[in-house]
Amino acid sequence: MAELENIFTLLTTGFIIGLPSPPIPIALDLLPEMETNLILMLQRIETAHGPLSQLFSSFDVG
């Protein structure tokens, strides 16, 4: 079920990264259903820009 929610989020908010998206009125109608997914996405973005993540990204892990 979580994978379907991720796909749903990508389909409705993909316009942010340049993917084709459903018509804007439909996407706006679906936003209340995606509240938890959007909060999670924003938390991941904040974590990605945190000081520790920037420090670890400078290390060669591979």
N, C-alpha and C. Protein backbone atom coordinates (compact mmCIF):
# COMPACT_ATOMS: atom_id res chain seq x y z
N MET A 1 0.82 -1.20 0.00
CA MET A 1 0.00 0.00 0.00
C MET A 1 0.86 1.27 0.00
N ALA A 2 1.97 1.21 0.72
CA ALA A 2 2.84 2.38 0.78
C ALA A 2 3.40 2.71 -0.59
N GLU A 3 3.71 1.69 -1.37
CA GLU A 3 4.25 1.92 -2.72
C GLU A 3 3.20 2.60 -3.60
N LEU A 4 1.95 2.22 -3.47
CA LEU A 4 0.88 2.88 -4.22
C LEU A 4 0.74 4.34 -3.82
N GLU A 5 0.90 4.63 -2.53
CA GLU A 5 0.84 6.02 -2.09
C GLU A 5 2.00 6.83 -2.67
N ASN A 6 3.18 6.22 -2.76
CA ASN A 6 4.32 6.92 -3.36
C ASN A 6 4.08 7.20 -4.84
N ILE A 7 3.53 6.23 -5.55
CA ILE A 7 3.22 6.42 -6.97
C ILE A 7 2.16 7.50 -7.13
N PHE A 8 1.15 7.47 -6.28
CA PHE A 8 0.08 8.47 -6.32
C PHE A 8 0.66 9.87 -6.10
N THR A 9 1.56 10.00 -5.13
CA THR A 9 2.19 11.29 -4.86
C THR A 9 3.01 11.75 -6.05
N LEU A 10 3.75 10.85 -6.64
CA LEU A 10 4.56 11.21 -7.81
C LEU A 10 3.68 11.65 -8.98
N LEU A 11 2.56 10.97 -9.18
CA LEU A 11 1.67 11.34 -10.28
C LEU A 11 1.04 12.70 -10.07
N THR A 12 0.70 13.03 -8.83
CA THR A 12 -0.01 14.29 -8.60
C THR A 12 0.92 15.47 -8.36
N THR A 13 2.14 15.23 -7.92
CA THR A 13 3.07 16.34 -7.69
C THR A 13 4.28 16.28 -8.61
N GLY A 14 4.24 15.44 -9.62
CA GLY A 14 5.36 15.29 -10.54
C GLY A 14 5.67 16.54 -11.35
N PHE A 15 4.72 17.45 -11.45
CA PHE A 15 4.95 18.67 -12.21
C PHE A 15 6.07 19.50 -11.59
N ILE A 16 6.35 19.29 -10.31
CA ILE A 16 7.41 20.03 -9.64
C ILE A 16 8.77 19.69 -10.24
N ILE A 17 8.94 18.43 -10.67
CA ILE A 17 10.22 18.00 -11.24
C ILE A 17 10.15 17.80 -12.74
N GLY A 18 9.05 18.23 -13.35
CA GLY A 18 8.95 18.20 -14.80
C GLY A 18 8.26 17.00 -15.39
N LEU A 19 7.64 16.16 -14.58
CA LEU A 19 6.89 15.02 -15.11
C LEU A 19 5.50 15.46 -15.53
N PRO A 20 4.92 14.79 -16.51
CA PRO A 20 3.54 15.12 -16.87
C PRO A 20 2.62 14.87 -15.68
N SER A 21 1.61 15.69 -15.55
CA SER A 21 0.72 15.57 -14.40
C SER A 21 -0.73 15.64 -14.85
N PRO A 22 -1.63 15.23 -13.97
CA PRO A 22 -3.05 15.38 -14.30
C PRO A 22 -3.41 16.87 -14.34
N PRO A 23 -4.57 17.20 -14.88
CA PRO A 23 -4.98 18.61 -14.89
C PRO A 23 -4.95 19.19 -13.48
N ILE A 24 -4.56 20.45 -13.39
CA ILE A 24 -4.39 21.11 -12.10
C ILE A 24 -5.64 21.05 -11.22
N PRO A 25 -6.86 21.27 -11.74
CA PRO A 25 -8.03 21.18 -10.85
C PRO A 25 -8.18 19.81 -10.20
N ILE A 26 -7.85 18.75 -10.93
CA ILE A 26 -7.93 17.41 -10.36
C ILE A 26 -6.86 17.23 -9.29
N ALA A 27 -5.65 17.69 -9.57
CA ALA A 27 -4.57 17.58 -8.59
C ALA A 27 -4.90 18.36 -7.33
N LEU A 28 -5.50 19.54 -7.48
CA LEU A 28 -5.88 20.33 -6.30
C LEU A 28 -6.99 19.66 -5.50
N ASP A 29 -7.91 18.99 -6.18
CA ASP A 29 -8.95 18.25 -5.47
C ASP A 29 -8.38 17.09 -4.68
N LEU A 30 -7.27 16.53 -5.16
CA LEU A 30 -6.66 15.37 -4.50
C LEU A 30 -5.71 15.76 -3.37
N LEU A 31 -5.33 17.02 -3.26
CA LEU A 31 -4.37 17.43 -2.25
C LEU A 31 -4.79 17.09 -0.82
N PRO A 32 -6.05 17.27 -0.43
CA PRO A 32 -6.41 16.88 0.95
C PRO A 32 -6.16 15.41 1.24
N GLU A 33 -6.28 14.56 0.23
CA GLU A 33 -6.03 13.13 0.43
C GLU A 33 -4.54 12.84 0.61
N MET A 34 -3.70 13.78 0.21
CA MET A 34 -2.25 13.57 0.22
C MET A 34 -1.55 14.31 1.34
N GLU A 35 -2.28 14.78 2.32
CA GLU A 35 -1.69 15.61 3.36
C GLU A 35 -0.50 14.92 4.05
N THR A 36 -0.67 13.68 4.45
CA THR A 36 0.42 12.99 5.15
C THR A 36 1.62 12.76 4.23
N ASN A 37 1.37 12.47 2.97
CA ASN A 37 2.47 12.26 2.02
C ASN A 37 3.25 13.55 1.79
N LEU A 38 2.55 14.67 1.71
CA LEU A 38 3.23 15.95 1.49
C LEU A 38 4.06 16.34 2.71
N ILE A 39 3.53 16.09 3.90
CA ILE A 39 4.29 16.38 5.12
C ILE A 39 5.56 15.54 5.16
N LEU A 40 5.44 14.26 4.82
CA LEU A 40 6.60 13.37 4.79
C LEU A 40 7.62 13.83 3.75
N MET A 41 7.14 14.26 2.58
CA MET A 41 8.04 14.73 1.53
C MET A 41 8.80 15.97 2.00
N LEU A 42 8.11 16.91 2.67
CA LEU A 42 8.77 18.11 3.15
C LEU A 42 9.78 17.79 4.25
N GLN A 43 9.47 16.81 5.10
CA GLN A 43 10.43 16.40 6.13
C GLN A 43 11.68 15.80 5.50
N ARG A 44 11.50 15.02 4.45
CA ARG A 44 12.66 14.43 3.76
C ARG A 44 13.52 15.51 3.11
N ILE A 45 12.88 16.53 2.58
CA ILE A 45 13.63 17.63 1.97
C ILE A 45 14.43 18.37 3.03
N GLU A 46 13.81 18.62 4.19
CA GLU A 46 14.52 19.30 5.28
C GLU A 46 15.69 18.46 5.77
N THR A 47 15.50 17.16 5.85
CA THR A 47 16.57 16.26 6.29
C THR A 47 17.71 16.26 5.27
N ALA A 48 17.36 16.30 4.01
CA ALA A 48 18.39 16.27 2.96
C ALA A 48 19.27 17.51 2.98
N HIS A 49 18.73 18.62 3.50
CA HIS A 49 19.50 19.86 3.54
C HIS A 49 20.08 20.13 4.93
N GLY A 50 19.99 19.16 5.83
CA GLY A 50 20.53 19.31 7.18
C GLY A 50 22.04 19.31 7.18
N PRO A 51 22.65 19.86 8.23
CA PRO A 51 24.11 19.94 8.28
C PRO A 51 24.80 18.58 8.27
N LEU A 52 24.23 17.59 8.96
CA LEU A 52 24.85 16.26 8.98
C LEU A 52 24.78 15.60 7.61
N SER A 53 23.66 15.78 6.92
CA SER A 53 23.55 15.16 5.60
C SER A 53 24.54 15.79 4.62
N GLN A 54 24.79 17.07 4.76
CA GLN A 54 25.78 17.71 3.89
C GLN A 54 27.18 17.20 4.21
N LEU A 55 27.45 16.96 5.50
CA LEU A 55 28.76 16.44 5.89
C LEU A 55 28.96 15.03 5.35
N PHE A 56 27.96 14.16 5.52
CA PHE A 56 28.08 12.78 5.05
C PHE A 56 28.11 12.68 3.53
N SER A 57 27.51 13.63 2.85
CA SER A 57 27.53 13.57 1.39
C SER A 57 28.92 13.87 0.83
N SER A 58 29.78 14.48 1.64
CA SER A 58 31.13 14.77 1.17
C SER A 58 32.06 13.57 1.31
N PHE A 59 31.65 12.53 2.07
CA PHE A 59 32.47 11.32 2.21
C PHE A 59 32.24 10.40 1.03
N ASP A 60 33.30 9.69 0.66
CA ASP A 60 33.19 8.72 -0.42
C ASP A 60 32.73 7.39 0.17
N VAL A 61 31.47 7.05 -0.06
CA VAL A 61 30.90 5.83 0.51
C VAL A 61 31.10 4.66 -0.43
N GLY A 62 31.11 4.90 -1.72
CA GLY A 62 31.15 3.84 -2.71
C GLY A 62 32.51 3.35 -2.91
